[in-house]
C-alpha atoms as a PDB file:
ATOM      1  CA  MET A   1     158.146 175.661 151.306  1.00  0.00           C
ATOM      2  CA  ALA A   2     160.898 174.087 149.276  1.00  0.00           C
ATOM      3  CA  LYS A   3     160.585 170.555 147.980  1.00  0.00           C
ATOM      4  CA  SER A   4     162.955 168.063 149.479  1.00  0.00           C
ATOM      5  CA  GLN A   5     165.373 166.132 147.271  1.00  0.00           C
ATOM      6  CA  SER A   6     163.298 162.923 147.589  1.00  0.00           C
ATOM      7  CA  ASP A   7     160.200 164.643 146.118  1.00  0.00           C
ATOM      8  CA  ALA A   8     162.044 165.697 142.957  1.00  0.00           C
ATOM      9  CA  ILE A   9     161.226 164.054 139.661  1.00  0.00           C
ATOM     10  CA  LYS A  10     164.151 162.642 137.700  1.00  0.00           C
ATOM     11  CA  ILE A  11     163.412 161.760 134.076  1.00  0.00           C
ATOM     12  CA  VAL A  12     165.253 158.574 133.131  1.00  0.00           C
ATOM     13  CA  ALA A  13     163.998 157.955 129.576  1.00  0.00           C
ATOM     14  CA  GLN A  14     161.825 159.849 127.102  1.00  0.00           C
ATOM     15  CA  ASN A  15     160.155 158.804 123.876  1.00  0.00           C
ATOM     16  CA  ARG A  16     160.421 161.990 121.825  1.00  0.00           C
ATOM     17  CA  LYS A  17     159.461 160.197 118.649  1.00  0.00           C
ATOM     18  CA  ALA A  18     156.003 159.494 120.098  1.00  0.00           C
ATOM     19  CA  ALA A  19     154.999 163.165 119.740  1.00  0.00           C
ATOM     20  CA  HIS A  20     156.211 163.078 116.143  1.00  0.00           C
ATOM     21  CA  ASP A  21     154.365 159.891 115.187  1.00  0.00           C
ATOM     22  CA  TYR A  22     151.157 160.311 117.222  1.00  0.00           C
ATOM     23  CA  PHE A  23     148.635 162.868 118.427  1.00  0.00           C
ATOM     24  CA  LEU A  24     149.016 162.481 122.213  1.00  0.00           C
ATOM     25  CA  GLU A  25     145.556 163.106 123.613  1.00  0.00           C
ATOM     26  CA  GLU A  26     145.423 162.004 127.248  1.00  0.00           C
ATOM     27  CA  ARG A  27     148.253 161.121 129.635  1.00  0.00           C
ATOM     28  CA  PHE A  28     148.297 158.767 132.611  1.00  0.00           C
ATOM     29  CA  GLU A  29     150.860 158.027 135.317  1.00  0.00           C
ATOM     30  CA  ALA A  30     151.409 154.337 136.027  1.00  0.00           C
ATOM     31  CA  GLY A  31     153.584 152.502 138.485  1.00  0.00           C
ATOM     32  CA  VAL A  32     155.710 149.601 137.228  1.00  0.00           C
ATOM     33  CA  VAL A  33     156.289 146.167 138.745  1.00  0.00           C
ATOM     34  CA  LEU A  34     160.082 145.769 138.660  1.00  0.00           C
ATOM     35  CA  LEU A  35     162.725 143.374 139.904  1.00  0.00           C
ATOM     36  CA  GLY A  36     165.503 144.603 142.215  1.00  0.00           C
ATOM     37  CA  THR A  37     168.112 144.706 139.471  1.00  0.00           C
ATOM     38  CA  GLU A  38     165.731 146.627 137.188  1.00  0.00           C
ATOM     39  CA  ILE A  39     165.137 149.484 139.614  1.00  0.00           C
ATOM     40  CA  LYS A  40     168.886 149.758 140.236  1.00  0.00           C
ATOM     41  CA  SER A  41     169.471 149.974 136.503  1.00  0.00           C
ATOM     42  CA  ILE A  42     166.744 152.623 136.132  1.00  0.00           C
ATOM     43  CA  ARG A  43     168.259 154.672 138.953  1.00  0.00           C
ATOM     44  CA  ALA A  44     171.544 154.501 137.025  1.00  0.00           C
ATOM     45  CA  GLY A  45     169.669 155.947 134.006  1.00  0.00           C
ATOM     46  CA  LYS A  46     169.935 152.879 131.785  1.00  0.00           C
ATOM     47  CA  ALA A  47     166.473 152.545 130.249  1.00  0.00           C
ATOM     48  CA  GLN A  48     165.026 153.036 126.761  1.00  0.00           C
ATOM     49  CA  ILE A  49     161.413 153.209 125.608  1.00  0.00           C
ATOM     50  CA  LYS A  50     161.896 154.108 121.960  1.00  0.00           C
ATOM     51  CA  GLU A  51     160.211 150.950 120.611  1.00  0.00           C
ATOM     52  CA  ALA A  52     157.987 150.305 123.644  1.00  0.00           C
ATOM     53  CA  TYR A  53     154.210 149.996 123.642  1.00  0.00           C
ATOM     54  CA  VAL A  54     151.427 149.205 126.112  1.00  0.00           C
ATOM     55  CA  ARG A  55     148.775 146.542 125.683  1.00  0.00           C
ATOM     56  CA  ILE A  56     145.707 145.862 127.812  1.00  0.00           C
ATOM     57  CA  GLU A  57     144.897 142.168 128.180  1.00  0.00           C
ATOM     58  CA  ALA A  58     142.713 140.389 130.745  1.00  0.00           C
ATOM     59  CA  GLY A  59     142.183 143.554 132.783  1.00  0.00           C
ATOM     60  CA  GLN A  60     145.907 144.316 133.111  1.00  0.00           C
ATOM     61  CA  ALA A  61     148.103 146.889 131.413  1.00  0.00           C
ATOM     62  CA  THR A  62     151.489 145.556 130.305  1.00  0.00           C
ATOM     63  CA  LEU A  63     154.544 147.394 128.993  1.00  0.00           C
ATOM     64  CA  PHE A  64     156.301 145.589 126.132  1.00  0.00           C
ATOM     65  CA  ASN A  65     159.700 146.185 124.464  1.00  0.00           C
ATOM     66  CA  ALA A  66     160.980 148.614 127.110  1.00  0.00           C
ATOM     67  CA  HIS A  67     164.719 147.993 127.381  1.00  0.00           C
ATOM     68  CA  ILE A  68     166.152 148.185 130.885  1.00  0.00           C
ATOM     69  CA  ALA A  69     169.854 147.338 130.716  1.00  0.00           C
ATOM     70  CA  PRO A  70     171.205 144.523 132.911  1.00  0.00           C
ATOM     71  CA  TYR A  71     172.705 145.725 136.190  1.00  0.00           C
ATOM     72  CA  ASP A  72     176.415 144.866 136.012  1.00  0.00           C
ATOM     73  CA  PRO A  73     177.104 144.116 139.720  1.00  0.00           C
ATOM     74  CA  ALA A  74     174.219 141.584 139.778  1.00  0.00           C
ATOM     75  CA  ALA A  75     176.096 139.195 137.432  1.00  0.00           C
ATOM     76  CA  ARG A  76     174.124 135.951 137.146  1.00  0.00           C
ATOM     77  CA  PHE A  77     171.080 137.213 139.079  1.00  0.00           C
ATOM     78  CA  ASN A  78     170.206 139.711 136.346  1.00  0.00           C
ATOM     79  CA  HIS A  79     166.892 140.213 134.586  1.00  0.00           C
ATOM     80  CA  ASP A  80     165.869 139.872 130.937  1.00  0.00           C
ATOM     81  CA  PRO A  81     166.243 143.405 129.476  1.00  0.00           C
ATOM     82  CA  LEU A  82     163.112 143.194 127.271  1.00  0.00           C
ATOM     83  CA  ARG A  83     160.727 141.262 129.523  1.00  0.00           C
ATOM     84  CA  PRO A  84     157.088 142.437 129.685  1.00  0.00           C
ATOM     85  CA  ARG A  85     156.405 144.561 132.777  1.00  0.00           C
ATOM     86  CA  ARG A  86     153.046 144.988 134.450  1.00  0.00           C
ATOM     87  CA  LEU A  87     151.779 148.558 134.871  1.00  0.00           C
ATOM     88  CA  LEU A  88     149.895 149.607 137.974  1.00  0.00           C
ATOM     89  CA  LEU A  89     146.754 151.609 137.221  1.00  0.00           C
ATOM     90  CA  HIS A  90     143.331 151.850 138.839  1.00  0.00           C
ATOM     91  CA  LYS A  91     140.704 149.429 137.509  1.00  0.00           C
ATOM     92  CA  ARG A  92     138.557 152.234 136.152  1.00  0.00           C
ATOM     93  CA  GLU A  93     141.550 153.702 134.300  1.00  0.00           C
ATOM     94  CA  ILE A  94     142.381 150.324 132.757  1.00  0.00           C
ATOM     95  CA  ARG A  95     138.744 149.822 131.750  1.00  0.00           C
ATOM     96  CA  LYS A  96     138.545 153.319 130.249  1.00  0.00           C
ATOM     97  CA  LEU A  97     141.803 152.872 128.330  1.00  0.00           C
ATOM     98  CA  GLY A  98     140.740 149.425 127.132  1.00  0.00           C
ATOM     99  CA  GLU A  99     137.495 150.828 125.708  1.00  0.00           C
ATOM    100  CA  GLN A 100     139.257 153.703 123.979  1.00  0.00           C
ATOM    101  CA  VAL A 101     141.949 151.463 122.477  1.00  0.00           C
ATOM    102  CA  GLN A 102     139.172 149.355 120.924  1.00  0.00           C
ATOM    103  CA  GLN A 103     138.223 152.419 118.865  1.00  0.00           C
ATOM    104  CA  LYS A 104     139.854 152.638 115.483  1.00  0.00           C
ATOM    105  CA  GLY A 105     143.265 154.302 115.404  1.00  0.00           C
ATOM    106  CA  TYR A 106     143.959 154.556 119.138  1.00  0.00           C
ATOM    107  CA  THR A 107     146.960 153.042 120.903  1.00  0.00           C
ATOM    108  CA  LEU A 108     148.831 153.393 124.193  1.00  0.00           C
ATOM    109  CA  VAL A 109     152.357 154.772 123.977  1.00  0.00           C
ATOM    110  CA  PRO A 110     154.812 155.222 126.859  1.00  0.00           C
ATOM    111  CA  THR A 111     156.260 158.738 126.742  1.00  0.00           C
ATOM    112  CA  LYS A 112     158.504 158.859 129.848  1.00  0.00           C
ATOM    113  CA  ILE A 113     160.075 156.752 132.558  1.00  0.00           C
ATOM    114  CA  TYR A 114     160.896 158.794 135.634  1.00  0.00           C
ATOM    115  CA  LEU A 115     161.586 158.491 139.335  1.00  0.00           C
ATOM    116  CA  SER A 116     159.153 160.188 141.692  1.00  0.00           C
ATOM    117  CA  LYS A 117     159.717 159.939 145.441  1.00  0.00           C
ATOM    118  CA  GLY A 118     162.084 157.040 144.826  1.00  0.00           C
ATOM    119  CA  ARG A 119     159.562 155.041 142.791  1.00  0.00           C
ATOM    120  CA  ALA A 120     159.740 154.312 139.080  1.00  0.00           C
ATOM    121  CA  LYS A 121     156.768 155.631 137.108  1.00  0.00           C
ATOM    122  CA  VAL A 122     155.816 155.442 133.451  1.00  0.00           C
ATOM    123  CA  GLU A 123     153.814 158.164 131.741  1.00  0.00           C
ATOM    124  CA  ILE A 124     151.600 156.609 129.086  1.00  0.00           C
ATOM    125  CA  ALA A 125     149.573 158.512 126.554  1.00  0.00           C
ATOM    126  CA  LEU A 126     146.429 157.638 124.676  1.00  0.00           C
ATOM    127  CA  ALA A 127     147.521 158.326 121.125  1.00  0.00           C
ATOM    128  CA  ARG A 128     146.119 158.443 117.618  1.00  0.00           C
ATOM    129  CA  GLY A 129     148.472 157.823 114.701  1.00  0.00           C
ATOM    130  CA  LYS A 130     149.493 160.706 112.455  1.00  0.00           C
ATOM    131  CA  LYS A 131     149.396 160.551 108.700  1.00  0.00           C
ATOM    132  CA  LEU A 132     152.399 161.685 106.679  1.00  0.00           C
ATOM    133  CA  TYR A 133     150.753 164.999 105.802  1.00  0.00           C
ATOM    134  CA  ASP A 134     150.113 165.705 109.510  1.00  0.00           C
ATOM    135  CA  LYS A 135     153.820 165.234 110.206  1.00  0.00           C
ATOM    136  CA  ARG A 136     154.693 167.588 107.352  1.00  0.00           C
ATOM    137  CA  ASP A 137     152.287 170.227 108.728  1.00  0.00           C
ATOM    138  CA  ASP A 138     153.924 169.988 112.155  1.00  0.00           C
ATOM    139  CA  MET A 139     157.398 170.344 110.656  1.00  0.00           C
ATOM    140  CA  ALA A 140     156.290 173.381 108.616  1.00  0.00           C
ATOM    141  CA  LYS A 141     154.794 175.040 111.734  1.00  0.00           C
ATOM    142  CA  ARG A 142     157.987 174.404 113.708  1.00  0.00           C
ATOM    143  CA  ASP A 143     160.124 175.856 110.926  1.00  0.00           C
ATOM    144  CA  ALA A 144     157.897 178.946 110.687  1.00  0.00           C
ATOM    145  CA  GLU A 145     158.050 179.508 114.458  1.00  0.00           C
ATOM    146  CA  ARG A 146     161.840 179.117 114.415  1.00  0.00           C
ATOM    147  CA  ASP A 147     162.143 181.631 111.555  1.00  0.00           C
ATOM    148  CA  MET A 148     159.912 184.139 113.370  1.00  0.00           C
ATOM    149  CA  ALA A 149     161.922 183.773 116.582  1.00  0.00           C
ATOM    150  CA  ARG A 150     165.140 184.257 114.599  1.00  0.00           C
ATOM    151  CA  GLU A 151     163.788 187.438 112.966  1.00  0.00           C
ATOM    152  CA  LEU A 152     162.605 188.845 116.287  1.00  0.00           C
ATOM    153  CA  GLY A 153     166.045 188.149 117.761  1.00  0.00           C
ATOM    154  CA  ARG A 154     167.767 190.039 114.938  1.00  0.00           C
ATOM    155  CA  ARG A 155     165.598 193.133 115.344  1.00  0.00           C
ATOM    156  CA  ARG A 156     166.541 193.606 118.979  1.00  0.00           C
END
């Protein structure tokens, strides 16, 4: 059976720097509470999560610093591009994430905003910060893999 067009996942924004700066350990899918102009802007692909982060306060997960551009046709009825947005997760997930974030070195980082079945979703990851030497190790591994792939390509 083929998937219909409405079931397809369309990635709107990615935070590639998150994988560079953090060890991404566990990922969660969360819904987002949005205004009408925000979802229209997301469907147009105008969202950024480069500087965004998630905080858990009073039993709620909230997305901060995610930039969703104003929707031009809305004119004066537009939204604030950087307003905090509530994330929709199960209570047990919020409780679990809250406990783990209390541990030293853990944080919640949004890695993707995407559309699934017409609904905006945010993928958040439980992350632990990398030290400078960890980043250097990752870069060295990537360079070595690239060199090996290049050599294998030449031999063929």
